[in-house]
PDB file of N, CA and C in Angstrom:
ATOM      1  N   MET A   1      72.935-147.332 -68.588  1.00  0.00           N
ATOM      2  CA  MET A   1      72.507-146.426 -67.548  1.00  0.00           C
ATOM      3  C   MET A   1      73.738-145.697 -67.017  1.00  0.00           C
ATOM      4  N   SER A   2      73.665-144.398 -66.977  1.00  0.00           N
ATOM      5  CA  SER A   2      74.818-143.636 -66.515  1.00  0.00           C
ATOM      6  C   SER A   2      74.788-143.501 -64.995  1.00  0.00           C
ATOM      7  N   LYS A   3      75.977-143.501 -64.443  1.00  0.00           N
ATOM      8  CA  LYS A   3      76.124-143.380 -62.998  1.00  0.00           C
ATOM      9  C   LYS A   3      76.086-141.902 -62.625  1.00  0.00           C
ATOM     10  N   LYS A   4      75.291-141.559 -61.622  1.00  0.00           N
ATOM     11  CA  LYS A   4      75.197-140.180 -61.180  1.00  0.00           C
ATOM     12  C   LYS A   4      76.458-139.835 -60.378  1.00  0.00           C
ATOM     13  N   VAL A   5      77.135-138.782 -60.794  1.00  0.00           N
ATOM     14  CA  VAL A   5      78.349-138.348 -60.122  1.00  0.00           C
ATOM     15  C   VAL A   5      77.985-137.266 -59.119  1.00  0.00           C
ATOM     16  N   ARG A   6      78.424-137.451 -57.908  1.00  0.00           N
ATOM     17  CA  ARG A   6      78.133-136.506 -56.835  1.00  0.00           C
ATOM     18  C   ARG A   6      79.349-135.603 -56.633  1.00  0.00           C
ATOM     19  N   ILE A   7      79.096-134.316 -56.506  1.00  0.00           N
ATOM     20  CA  ILE A   7      80.202-133.414 -56.182  1.00  0.00           C
ATOM     21  C   ILE A   7      80.660-133.710 -54.764  1.00  0.00           C
ATOM     22  N   THR A   8      81.769-133.144 -54.370  1.00  0.00           N
ATOM     23  CA  THR A   8      82.364-133.492 -53.076  1.00  0.00           C
ATOM     24  C   THR A   8      81.457-133.178 -51.903  1.00  0.00           C
ATOM     25  N   GLY A   9      80.489-132.340 -52.097  1.00  0.00           N
ATOM     26  CA  GLY A   9      79.568-132.059 -51.011  1.00  0.00           C
ATOM     27  C   GLY A   9      78.883-130.729 -51.210  1.00  0.00           C
ATOM     28  N   ASN A  10      77.963-130.458 -50.330  1.00  0.00           N
ATOM     29  CA  ASN A  10      77.273-129.177 -50.378  1.00  0.00           C
ATOM     30  C   ASN A  10      77.943-128.198 -49.415  1.00  0.00           C
ATOM     31  N   GLU A  11      77.356-127.043 -49.264  1.00  0.00           N
ATOM     32  CA  GLU A  11      77.979-126.030 -48.400  1.00  0.00           C
ATOM     33  C   GLU A  11      78.057-126.475 -46.938  1.00  0.00           C
ATOM     34  N   ASP A  12      77.134-127.290 -46.497  1.00  0.00           N
ATOM     35  CA  ASP A  12      77.200-127.796 -45.121  1.00  0.00           C
ATOM     36  C   ASP A  12      78.357-128.773 -44.950  1.00  0.00           C
ATOM     37  N   ASP A  13      78.567-129.629 -45.960  1.00  0.00           N
ATOM     38  CA  ASP A  13      79.712-130.545 -45.924  1.00  0.00           C
ATOM     39  C   ASP A  13      81.023-129.765 -45.915  1.00  0.00           C
ATOM     40  N   PHE A  14      81.075-128.729 -46.738  1.00  0.00           N
ATOM     41  CA  PHE A  14      82.261-127.881 -46.801  1.00  0.00           C
ATOM     42  C   PHE A  14      82.530-127.233 -45.440  1.00  0.00           C
ATOM     43  N   ALA A  15      81.485-126.679 -44.835  1.00  0.00           N
ATOM     44  CA  ALA A  15      81.625-126.018 -43.534  1.00  0.00           C
ATOM     45  C   ALA A  15      82.075-127.008 -42.465  1.00  0.00           C
ATOM     46  N   GLU A  16      81.506-128.211 -42.482  1.00  0.00           N
ATOM     47  CA  GLU A  16      81.878-129.235 -41.504  1.00  0.00           C
ATOM     48  C   GLU A  16      83.342-129.641 -41.663  1.00  0.00           C
ATOM     49  N   SER A  17      83.784-129.787 -42.900  1.00  0.00           N
ATOM     50  CA  SER A  17      85.170-130.152 -43.159  1.00  0.00           C
ATOM     51  C   SER A  17      86.124-129.049 -42.705  1.00  0.00           C
ATOM     52  N   LEU A  18      85.783-127.822 -43.013  1.00  0.00           N
ATOM     53  CA  LEU A  18      86.614-126.686 -42.606  1.00  0.00           C
ATOM     54  C   LEU A  18      86.652-126.563 -41.084  1.00  0.00           C
ATOM     55  N   GLN A  19      85.504-126.707 -40.463  1.00  0.00           N
ATOM     56  CA  GLN A  19      85.426-126.648 -38.996  1.00  0.00           C
ATOM     57  C   GLN A  19      86.287-127.734 -38.371  1.00  0.00           C
ATOM     58  N   SER A  20      86.259-128.919 -38.962  1.00  0.00           N
ATOM     59  CA  SER A  20      87.068-130.021 -38.456  1.00  0.00           C
ATOM     60  C   SER A  20      88.558-129.688 -38.531  1.00  0.00           C
ATOM     61  N   CYS A  21      88.966-129.086 -39.639  1.00  0.00           N
ATOM     62  CA  CYS A  21      90.377-128.724 -39.802  1.00  0.00           C
ATOM     63  C   CYS A  21      90.831-127.662 -38.803  1.00  0.00           C
ATOM     64  N   LEU A  22      89.921-126.821 -38.381  1.00  0.00           N
ATOM     65  CA  LEU A  22      90.271-125.717 -37.487  1.00  0.00           C
ATOM     66  C   LEU A  22      90.159-126.067 -36.006  1.00  0.00           C
ATOM     67  N   GLY A  23      89.620-127.234 -35.696  1.00  0.00           N
ATOM     68  CA  GLY A  23      89.354-127.605 -34.305  1.00  0.00           C
ATOM     69  C   GLY A  23      90.547-127.494 -33.376  1.00  0.00           C
ATOM     70  N   GLU A  24      91.657-128.093 -33.753  1.00  0.00           N
ATOM     71  CA  GLU A  24      92.841-128.073 -32.886  1.00  0.00           C
ATOM     72  C   GLU A  24      93.334-126.650 -32.667  1.00  0.00           C
ATOM     73  N   MET A  25      93.335-125.852 -33.723  1.00  0.00           N
ATOM     74  CA  MET A  25      93.809-124.479 -33.598  1.00  0.00           C
ATOM     75  C   MET A  25      92.914-123.682 -32.653  1.00  0.00           C
ATOM     76  N   LEU A  26      91.615-123.851 -32.763  1.00  0.00           N
ATOM     77  CA  LEU A  26      90.695-123.115 -31.900  1.00  0.00           C
ATOM     78  C   LEU A  26      90.818-123.547 -30.438  1.00  0.00           C
ATOM     79  N   VAL A  27      90.987-124.846 -30.210  1.00  0.00           N
ATOM     80  CA  VAL A  27      91.177-125.345 -28.846  1.00  0.00           C
ATOM     81  C   VAL A  27      92.451-124.742 -28.249  1.00  0.00           C
ATOM     82  N   LEU A  28      93.543-124.801 -28.996  1.00  0.00           N
ATOM     83  CA  LEU A  28      94.805-124.243 -28.495  1.00  0.00           C
ATOM     84  C   LEU A  28      94.685-122.745 -28.244  1.00  0.00           C
ATOM     85  N   PHE A  29      94.017-122.048 -29.153  1.00  0.00           N
ATOM     86  CA  PHE A  29      93.858-120.608 -28.989  1.00  0.00           C
ATOM     87  C   PHE A  29      93.132-120.273 -27.690  1.00  0.00           C
ATOM     88  N   LEU A  30      92.034-120.972 -27.428  1.00  0.00           N
ATOM     89  CA  LEU A  30      91.273-120.689 -26.205  1.00  0.00           C
ATOM     90  C   LEU A  30      92.062-121.075 -24.955  1.00  0.00           C
ATOM     91  N   LEU A  31      92.776-122.193 -25.010  1.00  0.00           N
ATOM     92  CA  LEU A  31      93.555-122.607 -23.836  1.00  0.00           C
ATOM     93  C   LEU A  31      94.747-121.676 -23.606  1.00  0.00           C
ATOM     94  N   LYS A  32      95.161-120.983 -24.625  1.00  0.00           N
ATOM     95  CA  LYS A  32      96.213-119.968 -24.442  1.00  0.00           C
ATOM     96  C   LYS A  32      95.663-118.798 -23.617  1.00  0.00           C
ATOM     97  N   GLN A  33      94.359-118.569 -23.743  1.00  0.00           N
ATOM     98  CA  GLN A  33      93.727-117.471 -23.011  1.00  0.00           C
ATOM     99  C   GLN A  33      93.554-117.819 -21.525  1.00  0.00           C
ATOM    100  N   LYS A  34      93.130-119.063 -21.267  1.00  0.00           N
ATOM    101  CA  LYS A  34      92.952-119.533 -19.888  1.00  0.00           C
ATOM    102  C   LYS A  34      92.702-121.031 -19.875  1.00  0.00           C
ATOM    103  N   SER A  35      92.886-121.650 -18.734  1.00  0.00           N
ATOM    104  CA  SER A  35      92.574-123.074 -18.554  1.00  0.00           C
ATOM    105  C   SER A  35      91.070-123.259 -18.635  1.00  0.00           C
ATOM    106  N   MET A  36      90.648-124.344 -19.271  1.00  0.00           N
ATOM    107  CA  MET A  36      89.221-124.625 -19.406  1.00  0.00           C
ATOM    108  C   MET A  36      88.989-126.122 -19.412  1.00  0.00           C
ATOM    109  N   TYR A  37      87.756-126.509 -19.141  1.00  0.00           N
ATOM    110  CA  TYR A  37      87.354-127.898 -19.292  1.00  0.00           C
ATOM    111  C   TYR A  37      86.655-128.040 -20.640  1.00  0.00           C
ATOM    112  N   THR A  38      86.504-129.263 -21.114  1.00  0.00           N
ATOM    113  CA  THR A  38      86.069-129.520 -22.485  1.00  0.00           C
ATOM    114  C   THR A  38      84.750-128.843 -22.835  1.00  0.00           C
ATOM    115  N   TYR A  39      83.736-128.995 -22.005  1.00  0.00           N
ATOM    116  CA  TYR A  39      82.430-128.399 -22.307  1.00  0.00           C
ATOM    117  C   TYR A  39      82.553-126.873 -22.385  1.00  0.00           C
ATOM    118  N   GLU A  40      83.346-126.298 -21.502  1.00  0.00           N
ATOM    119  CA  GLU A  40      83.542-124.846 -21.504  1.00  0.00           C
ATOM    120  C   GLU A  40      84.193-124.392 -22.818  1.00  0.00           C
ATOM    121  N   ILE A  41      85.177-125.142 -23.293  1.00  0.00           N
ATOM    122  CA  ILE A  41      85.833-124.815 -24.563  1.00  0.00           C
ATOM    123  C   ILE A  41      84.797-124.812 -25.687  1.00  0.00           C
ATOM    124  N   SER A  42      83.995-125.855 -25.729  1.00  0.00           N
ATOM    125  CA  SER A  42      82.965-125.981 -26.759  1.00  0.00           C
ATOM    126  C   SER A  42      81.990-124.812 -26.716  1.00  0.00           C
ATOM    127  N   GLN A  43      81.550-124.464 -25.525  1.00  0.00           N
ATOM    128  CA  GLN A  43      80.603-123.357 -25.365  1.00  0.00           C
ATOM    129  C   GLN A  43      81.225-122.026 -25.781  1.00  0.00           C
ATOM    130  N   GLU A  44      82.480-121.818 -25.433  1.00  0.00           N
ATOM    131  CA  GLU A  44      83.160-120.576 -25.784  1.00  0.00           C
ATOM    132  C   GLU A  44      83.368-120.455 -27.294  1.00  0.00           C
ATOM    133  N   ILE A  45      83.723-121.546 -27.943  1.00  0.00           N
ATOM    134  CA  ILE A  45      83.883-121.511 -29.396  1.00  0.00           C
ATOM    135  C   ILE A  45      82.561-121.112 -30.045  1.00  0.00           C
ATOM    136  N   SER A  46      81.488-121.721 -29.606  1.00  0.00           N
ATOM    137  CA  SER A  46      80.170-121.397 -30.148  1.00  0.00           C
ATOM    138  C   SER A  46      79.784-119.946 -29.846  1.00  0.00           C
ATOM    139  N   ARG A  47      80.006-119.512 -28.635  1.00  0.00           N
ATOM    140  CA  ARG A  47      79.641-118.144 -28.229  1.00  0.00           C
ATOM    141  C   ARG A  47      80.430-117.108 -29.017  1.00  0.00           C
ATOM    142  N   ILE A  48      81.745-117.266 -29.066  1.00  0.00           N
ATOM    143  CA  ILE A  48      82.591-116.276 -29.716  1.00  0.00           C
ATOM    144  C   ILE A  48      82.336-116.226 -31.222  1.00  0.00           C
ATOM    145  N   SER A  49      82.015-117.361 -31.811  1.00  0.00           N
ATOM    146  CA  SER A  49      81.765-117.416 -33.261  1.00  0.00           C
ATOM    147  C   SER A  49      80.300-117.148 -33.608  1.00  0.00           C
ATOM    148  N   ASN A  50      79.514-116.753 -32.632  1.00  0.00           N
ATOM    149  CA  ASN A  50      78.073-116.537 -32.836  1.00  0.00           C
ATOM    150  C   ASN A  50      77.387-117.753 -33.443  1.00  0.00           C
ATOM    151  N   GLY A  51      77.814-118.924 -33.010  1.00  0.00           N
ATOM    152  CA  GLY A  51      77.189-120.166 -33.445  1.00  0.00           C
ATOM    153  C   GLY A  51      77.689-120.705 -34.774  1.00  0.00           C
ATOM    154  N   SER A  52      78.631-120.015 -35.415  1.00  0.00           N
ATOM    155  CA  SER A  52      79.170-120.515 -36.689  1.00  0.00           C
ATOM    156  C   SER A  52      79.978-121.786 -36.496  1.00  0.00           C
ATOM    157  N   PHE A  53      80.619-121.909 -35.354  1.00  0.00           N
ATOM    158  CA  PHE A  53      81.387-123.105 -35.034  1.00  0.00           C
ATOM    159  C   PHE A  53      80.709-123.818 -33.880  1.00  0.00           C
ATOM    160  N   THR A  54      80.318-125.063 -34.119  1.00  0.00           N
ATOM    161  CA  THR A  54      79.780-125.907 -33.055  1.00  0.00           C
ATOM    162  C   THR A  54      80.414-127.286 -33.210  1.00  0.00           C
ATOM    163  N   TYR A  55      80.758-127.867 -32.104  1.00  0.00           N
ATOM    164  CA  TYR A  55      81.403-129.177 -32.126  1.00  0.00           C
ATOM    165  C   TYR A  55      80.576-130.155 -31.299  1.00  0.00           C
ATOM    166  N   LYS A  56      80.273-131.306 -31.897  1.00  0.00           N
ATOM    167  CA  LYS A  56      79.572-132.357 -31.160  1.00  0.00           C
ATOM    168  C   LYS A  56      80.468-132.902 -30.061  1.00  0.00           C
ATOM    169  N   SER A  57      81.765-133.010 -30.374  1.00  0.00           N
ATOM    170  CA  SER A  57      82.725-133.494 -29.394  1.00  0.00           C
ATOM    171  C   SER A  57      84.098-132.903 -29.700  1.00  0.00           C
ATOM    172  N   LEU A  58      84.744-132.422 -28.680  1.00  0.00           N
ATOM    173  CA  LEU A  58      86.114-131.925 -28.820  1.00  0.00           C
ATOM    174  C   LEU A  58      87.139-132.967 -28.407  1.00  0.00           C
ATOM    175  N   TYR A  59      86.667-134.104 -27.913  1.00  0.00           N
ATOM    176  CA  TYR A  59      87.596-135.103 -27.390  1.00  0.00           C
ATOM    177  C   TYR A  59      88.633-135.588 -28.398  1.00  0.00           C
ATOM    178  N   PRO A  60      88.288-135.782 -29.681  1.00  0.00           N
ATOM    179  CA  PRO A  60      89.348-136.192 -30.616  1.00  0.00           C
ATOM    180  C   PRO A  60      90.488-135.170 -30.683  1.00  0.00           C
ATOM    181  N   TYR A  61      90.150-133.893 -30.646  1.00  0.00           N
ATOM    182  CA  TYR A  61      91.177-132.838 -30.669  1.00  0.00           C
ATOM    183  C   TYR A  61      91.959-132.831 -29.361  1.00  0.00           C
ATOM    184  N   ILE A  62      91.243-132.948 -28.262  1.00  0.00           N
ATOM    185  CA  ILE A  62      91.876-132.943 -26.939  1.00  0.00           C
ATOM    186  C   ILE A  62      92.876-134.091 -26.836  1.00  0.00           C
ATOM    187  N   TYR A  63      92.455-135.288 -27.232  1.00  0.00           N
ATOM    188  CA  TYR A  63      93.346-136.451 -27.131  1.00  0.00           C
ATOM    189  C   TYR A  63      94.573-136.295 -28.015  1.00  0.00           C
ATOM    190  N   ARG A  64      94.377-135.826 -29.255  1.00  0.00           N
ATOM    191  CA  ARG A  64      95.526-135.626 -30.150  1.00  0.00           C
ATOM    192  C   ARG A  64      96.489-134.595 -29.583  1.00  0.00           C
ATOM    193  N   LEU A  65      95.948-133.484 -29.100  1.00  0.00           N
ATOM    194  CA  LEU A  65      96.800-132.420 -28.556  1.00  0.00           C
ATOM    195  C   LEU A  65      97.517-132.881 -27.292  1.00  0.00           C
ATOM    196  N   LYS A  66      96.822-133.653 -26.475  1.00  0.00           N
ATOM    197  CA  LYS A  66      97.446-134.172 -25.250  1.00  0.00           C
ATOM    198  C   LYS A  66      98.559-135.158 -25.591  1.00  0.00           C
ATOM    199  N   ASN A  67      98.291-136.077 -26.521  1.00  0.00           N
ATOM    200  CA  ASN A  67      99.299-137.063 -26.929  1.00  0.00           C
ATOM    201  C   ASN A  67     100.508-136.412 -27.585  1.00  0.00           C
ATOM    202  N   ALA A  68     100.304-135.247 -28.209  1.00  0.00           N
ATOM    203  CA  ALA A  68     101.401-134.534 -28.871  1.00  0.00           C
ATOM    204  C   ALA A  68     102.164-133.626 -27.900  1.00  0.00           C
ATOM    205  N   GLY A  69     101.699-133.566 -26.649  1.00  0.00           N
ATOM    206  CA  GLY A  69     102.368-132.726 -25.664  1.00  0.00           C
ATOM    207  C   GLY A  69     102.010-131.257 -25.767  1.00  0.00           C
ATOM    208  N   CYS A  70     100.935-130.940 -26.481  1.00  0.00           N
ATOM    209  CA  CYS A  70     100.523-129.543 -26.658  1.00  0.00           C
ATOM    210  C   CYS A  70      99.644-129.032 -25.524  1.00  0.00           C
ATOM    211  N   ILE A  71      98.999-129.949 -24.826  1.00  0.00           N
ATOM    212  CA  ILE A  71      98.195-129.574 -23.666  1.00  0.00           C
ATOM    213  C   ILE A  71      98.438-130.592 -22.558  1.00  0.00           C
ATOM    214  N   ASP A  72      98.153-130.163 -21.358  1.00  0.00           N
ATOM    215  CA  ASP A  72      98.149-131.097 -20.239  1.00  0.00           C
ATOM    216  C   ASP A  72      96.864-130.868 -19.455  1.00  0.00           C
ATOM    217  N   GLU A  73      96.647-131.701 -18.467  1.00  0.00           N
ATOM    218  CA  GLU A  73      95.396-131.616 -17.720  1.00  0.00           C
ATOM    219  C   GLU A  73      95.662-131.585 -16.237  1.00  0.00           C
ATOM    220  N   GLU A  74      94.683-131.051 -15.525  1.00  0.00           N
ATOM    221  CA  GLU A  74      94.735-131.068 -14.064  1.00  0.00           C
ATOM    222  C   GLU A  74      93.318-131.245 -13.535  1.00  0.00           C
ATOM    223  N   ASN A  75      93.204-132.006 -12.479  1.00  0.00           N
ATOM    224  CA  ASN A  75      91.918-132.189 -11.820  1.00  0.00           C
ATOM    225  C   ASN A  75      91.721-131.070 -10.815  1.00  0.00           C
ATOM    226  N   ARG A  76      90.557-130.441 -10.879  1.00  0.00           N
ATOM    227  CA  ARG A  76      90.213-129.395  -9.924  1.00  0.00           C
ATOM    228  C   ARG A  76      88.913-129.769  -9.233  1.00  0.00           C
ATOM    229  N   GLU A  77      88.897-129.549  -7.953  1.00  0.00           N
ATOM    230  CA  GLU A  77      87.684-129.825  -7.198  1.00  0.00           C
ATOM    231  C   GLU A  77      86.701-128.687  -7.423  1.00  0.00           C
ATOM    232  N   VAL A  78      85.463-129.061  -7.730  1.00  0.00           N
ATOM    233  CA  VAL A  78      84.391-128.086  -7.903  1.00  0.00           C
ATOM    234  C   VAL A  78      83.332-128.384  -6.853  1.00  0.00           C
ATOM    235  N   ALA A  79      82.192-127.802  -6.955  1.00  0.00           N
ATOM    236  CA  ALA A  79      81.134-127.943  -5.952  1.00  0.00           C
ATOM    237  C   ALA A  79      80.798-129.398  -5.642  1.00  0.00           C
ATOM    238  N   ASN A  80      80.377-129.639  -4.425  1.00  0.00           N
ATOM    239  CA  ASN A  80      79.900-130.951  -3.968  1.00  0.00           C
ATOM    240  C   ASN A  80      80.932-132.063  -4.119  1.00  0.00           C
ATOM    241  N   ASN A  81      82.190-131.764  -3.824  1.00  0.00           N
ATOM    242  CA  ASN A  81      83.279-132.749  -3.889  1.00  0.00           C
ATOM    243  C   ASN A  81      83.449-133.396  -5.254  1.00  0.00           C
ATOM    244  N   ARG A  82      82.996-132.730  -6.293  1.00  0.00           N
ATOM    245  CA  ARG A  82      83.186-133.233  -7.656  1.00  0.00           C
ATOM    246  C   ARG A  82      84.491-132.675  -8.192  1.00  0.00           C
ATOM    247  N   THR A  83      85.094-133.418  -9.092  1.00  0.00           N
ATOM    248  CA  THR A  83      86.297-132.912  -9.742  1.00  0.00           C
ATOM    249  C   THR A  83      86.005-132.712 -11.230  1.00  0.00           C
ATOM    250  N   ARG A  84      86.701-131.781 -11.794  1.00  0.00           N
ATOM    251  CA  ARG A  84      86.555-131.492 -13.220  1.00  0.00           C
ATOM    252  C   ARG A  84      87.958-131.434 -13.805  1.00  0.00           C
ATOM    253  N   ILE A  85      88.112-131.944 -15.022  1.00  0.00           N
ATOM    254  CA  ILE A  85      89.415-131.935 -15.677  1.00  0.00           C
ATOM    255  C   ILE A  85      89.557-130.647 -16.483  1.00  0.00           C
ATOM    256  N   TYR A  86      90.544-129.849 -16.097  1.00  0.00           N
ATOM    257  CA  TYR A  86      90.870-128.616 -16.819  1.00  0.00           C
ATOM    258  C   TYR A  86      92.095-128.871 -17.673  1.00  0.00           C
ATOM    259  N   PHE A  87      92.105-128.249 -18.843  1.00  0.00           N
ATOM    260  CA  PHE A  87      93.229-128.387 -19.756  1.00  0.00           C
ATOM    261  C   PHE A  87      93.998-127.083 -19.835  1.00  0.00           C
ATOM    262  N   ASN A  88      95.308-127.216 -19.976  1.00  0.00           N
ATOM    263  CA  ASN A  88      96.207-126.068 -20.068  1.00  0.00           C
ATOM    264  C   ASN A  88      97.083-126.245 -21.298  1.00  0.00           C
ATOM    265  N   ILE A  89      97.405-125.151 -21.949  1.00  0.00           N
ATOM    266  CA  ILE A  89      98.323-125.212 -23.076  1.00  0.00           C
ATOM    267  C   ILE A  89      99.751-125.296 -22.528  1.00  0.00           C
ATOM    268  N   THR A  90     100.586-126.066 -23.181  1.00  0.00           N
ATOM    269  CA  THR A  90     101.985-126.190 -22.781  1.00  0.00           C
ATOM    270  C   THR A  90     102.836-125.266 -23.665  1.00  0.00           C
ATOM    271  N   LYS A  91     104.105-125.148 -23.330  1.00  0.00           N
ATOM    272  CA  LYS A  91     105.023-124.361 -24.151  1.00  0.00           C
ATOM    273  C   LYS A  91     105.043-124.919 -25.579  1.00  0.00           C
ATOM    274  N   GLN A  92     105.089-126.236 -25.697  1.00  0.00           N
ATOM    275  CA  GLN A  92     105.055-126.886 -27.014  1.00  0.00           C
ATOM    276  C   GLN A  92     103.761-126.545 -27.751  1.00  0.00           C
ATOM    277  N   GLY A  93     102.653-126.495 -27.029  1.00  0.00           N
ATOM    278  CA  GLY A  93     101.371-126.137 -27.622  1.00  0.00           C
ATOM    279  C   GLY A  93     101.348-124.705 -28.117  1.00  0.00           C
ATOM    280  N   GLU A  94     101.958-123.804 -27.338  1.00  0.00           N
ATOM    281  CA  GLU A  94     102.031-122.407 -27.761  1.00  0.00           C
ATOM    282  C   GLU A  94     102.855-122.268 -29.040  1.00  0.00           C
ATOM    283  N   GLU A  95     103.952-122.996 -29.106  1.00  0.00           N
ATOM    284  CA  GLU A  95     104.794-122.960 -30.311  1.00  0.00           C
ATOM    285  C   GLU A  95     104.047-123.534 -31.512  1.00  0.00           C
ATOM    286  N   HIS A  96     103.329-124.621 -31.294  1.00  0.00           N
ATOM    287  CA  HIS A  96     102.540-125.235 -32.373  1.00  0.00           C
ATOM    288  C   HIS A  96     101.446-124.273 -32.841  1.00  0.00           C
ATOM    289  N   LEU A  97     100.796-123.598 -31.907  1.00  0.00           N
ATOM    290  CA  LEU A  97      99.741-122.643 -32.257  1.00  0.00           C
ATOM    291  C   LEU A  97     100.291-121.531 -33.140  1.00  0.00           C
ATOM    292  N   VAL A  98     101.447-121.010 -32.818  1.00  0.00           N
ATOM    293  CA  VAL A  98     102.063-119.957 -33.637  1.00  0.00           C
ATOM    294  C   VAL A  98     102.263-120.463 -35.064  1.00  0.00           C
ATOM    295  N   LYS A  99     102.770-121.679 -35.201  1.00  0.00           N
ATOM    296  CA  LYS A  99     103.041-122.249 -36.528  1.00  0.00           C
ATOM    297  C   LYS A  99     101.762-122.488 -37.329  1.00  0.00           C
ATOM    298  N   ILE A 100     100.746-123.060 -36.693  1.00  0.00           N
ATOM    299  CA  ILE A 100      99.539-123.366 -37.461  1.00  0.00           C
ATOM    300  C   ILE A 100      98.734-122.109 -37.767  1.00  0.00           C
ATOM    301  N   LYS A 101      98.768-121.117 -36.885  1.00  0.00           N
ATOM    302  CA  LYS A 101      98.107-119.843 -37.183  1.00  0.00           C
ATOM    303  C   LYS A 101      98.771-119.175 -38.383  1.00  0.00           C
ATOM    304  N   LYS A 102     100.096-119.215 -38.421  1.00  0.00           N
ATOM    305  CA  LYS A 102     100.837-118.624 -39.535  1.00  0.00           C
ATOM    306  C   LYS A 102     100.464-119.337 -40.839  1.00  0.00           C
ATOM    307  N   ARG A 103     100.463-120.659 -40.816  1.00  0.00           N
ATOM    308  CA  ARG A 103     100.139-121.432 -42.015  1.00  0.00           C
ATOM    309  C   ARG A 103      98.691-121.219 -42.427  1.00  0.00           C
ATOM    310  N   TYR A 104      97.783-121.166 -41.457  1.00  0.00           N
ATOM    311  CA  TYR A 104      96.364-120.901 -41.729  1.00  0.00           C
ATOM    312  C   TYR A 104      96.210-119.564 -42.457  1.00  0.00           C
ATOM    313  N   ARG A 105      96.889-118.552 -41.953  1.00  0.00           N
ATOM    314  CA  ARG A 105      96.785-117.224 -42.566  1.00  0.00           C
ATOM    315  C   ARG A 105      97.387-117.204 -43.967  1.00  0.00           C
ATOM    316  N   GLU A 106      98.471-117.927 -44.186  1.00  0.00           N
ATOM    317  CA  GLU A 106      99.065-118.017 -45.534  1.00  0.00           C
ATOM    318  C   GLU A 106      98.070-118.643 -46.507  1.00  0.00           C
ATOM    319  N   ILE A 107      97.457-119.735 -46.085  1.00  0.00           N
ATOM    320  CA  ILE A 107      96.530-120.460 -46.957  1.00  0.00           C
ATOM    321  C   ILE A 107      95.272-119.642 -47.230  1.00  0.00           C
ATOM    322  N   THR A 108      94.677-119.058 -46.188  1.00  0.00           N
ATOM    323  CA  THR A 108      93.436-118.308 -46.394  1.00  0.00           C
ATOM    324  C   THR A 108      93.690-117.021 -47.176  1.00  0.00           C
ATOM    325  N   THR A 109      94.847-116.393 -46.981  1.00  0.00           N
ATOM    326  CA  THR A 109      95.179-115.201 -47.758  1.00  0.00           C
ATOM    327  C   THR A 109      95.332-115.553 -49.228  1.00  0.00           C
ATOM    328  N   ALA A 110      96.028-116.655 -49.516  1.00  0.00           N
ATOM    329  CA  ALA A 110      96.197-117.093 -50.902  1.00  0.00           C
ATOM    330  C   ALA A 110      94.853-117.435 -51.536  1.00  0.00           C
ATOM    331  N   ALA A 111      93.990-118.115 -50.792  1.00  0.00           N
ATOM    332  CA  ALA A 111      92.665-118.458 -51.320  1.00  0.00           C
ATOM    333  C   ALA A 111      91.860-117.190 -51.591  1.00  0.00           C
ATOM    334  N   ASP A 112      91.931-116.210 -50.699  1.00  0.00           N
ATOM    335  CA  ASP A 112      91.221-114.938 -50.903  1.00  0.00           C
ATOM    336  C   ASP A 112      91.737-114.211 -52.139  1.00  0.00           C
ATOM    337  N   ILE A 113      93.048-114.225 -52.352  1.00  0.00           N
ATOM    338  CA  ILE A 113      93.624-113.579 -53.534  1.00  0.00           C
ATOM    339  C   ILE A 113      93.065-114.219 -54.799  1.00  0.00           C
ATOM    340  N   ILE A 114      93.043-115.546 -54.823  1.00  0.00           N
ATOM    341  CA  ILE A 114      92.523-116.252 -55.997  1.00  0.00           C
ATOM    342  C   ILE A 114      91.046-115.931 -56.205  1.00  0.00           C
ATOM    343  N   LEU A 115      90.252-116.030 -55.146  1.00  0.00           N
ATOM    344  CA  LEU A 115      88.812-115.812 -55.269  1.00  0.00           C
ATOM    345  C   LEU A 115      88.469-114.372 -55.635  1.00  0.00           C
ATOM    346  N   ASP A 116      89.291-113.424 -55.222  1.00  0.00           N
ATOM    347  CA  ASP A 116      89.056-112.018 -55.557  1.00  0.00           C
ATOM    348  C   ASP A 116      89.344-111.712 -57.026  1.00  0.00           C
ATOM    349  N   LEU A 117      89.955-112.641 -57.739  1.00  0.00           N
ATOM    350  CA  LEU A 117      90.264-112.451 -59.151  1.00  0.00           C
ATOM    351  C   LEU A 117      89.149-112.945 -60.071  1.00  0.00           C
ATOM    352  N   ASP A 118      88.010-113.241 -59.500  1.00  0.00           N
ATOM    353  CA  ASP A 118      86.895-113.751 -60.284  1.00  0.00           C
ATOM    354  C   ASP A 118      86.574-112.810 -61.441  1.00  0.00           C
ATOM    355  N   GLY A 119      86.636-113.347 -62.635  1.00  0.00           N
ATOM    356  CA  GLY A 119      86.339-112.571 -63.841  1.00  0.00           C
ATOM    357  C   GLY A 119      87.504-111.747 -64.355  1.00  0.00           C
ATOM    358  N   MET A 120      88.653-111.771 -63.680  1.00  0.00           N
ATOM    359  CA  MET A 120      89.782-110.951 -64.084  1.00  0.00           C
ATOM    360  C   MET A 120      90.990-111.743 -64.575  1.00  0.00           C
ATOM    361  N   ILE A 121      91.023-113.022 -64.341  1.00  0.00           N
ATOM    362  CA  ILE A 121      92.199-113.809 -64.704  1.00  0.00           C
ATOM    363  C   ILE A 121      92.291-113.995 -66.215  1.00  0.00           C
ATOM    364  N   TYR A 122      91.210-114.376 -66.828  1.00  0.00           N
ATOM    365  CA  TYR A 122      91.193-114.685 -68.250  1.00  0.00           C
ATOM    366  C   TYR A 122      90.171-113.787 -68.947  1.00  0.00           C
ATOM    367  N   GLU A 123      90.432-112.497 -68.916  1.00  0.00           N
ATOM    368  CA  GLU A 123      89.511-111.549 -69.526  1.00  0.00           C
ATOM    369  C   GLU A 123      89.324-111.884 -71.007  1.00  0.00           C
ATOM    370  N   GLY A 124      88.125-111.891 -71.415  1.00  0.00           N
ATOM    371  CA  GLY A 124      87.808-112.179 -72.812  1.00  0.00           C
ATOM    372  C   GLY A 124      87.733-113.649 -73.145  1.00  0.00           C
ATOM    373  N   ALA A 125      87.965-114.491 -72.141  1.00  0.00           N
ATOM    374  CA  ALA A 125      87.944-115.939 -72.409  1.00  0.00           C
ATOM    375  C   ALA A 125      86.528-116.459 -72.419  1.00  0.00           C
TER     376      ALA A 125
END
């Protein structure tokens, strides 16, 4: 009996993996624009991307970025004596964002170049 081999995933798996890789960059990008709380960041990512990017939880990204010194937090009082935690990008976070945006663009540009060569690399093969 032969074992059924599964490809690495379908288009939804691919999208989820790509979205996961971009999470930290998107969080840093939005926090560069203004201070936000976690739910607000999530809503803005979804809104700006027209729903292409949705995150069940941003906390793994927030914790990693905070532990790396890329963001910090502040408690702000909101209505009814409630406090909300707002996150801010740090100088280190801004520098990291520049680096990962540059690398992201290098990788996606190279991938686009390769994919645009469909049918042209090995003509006659």
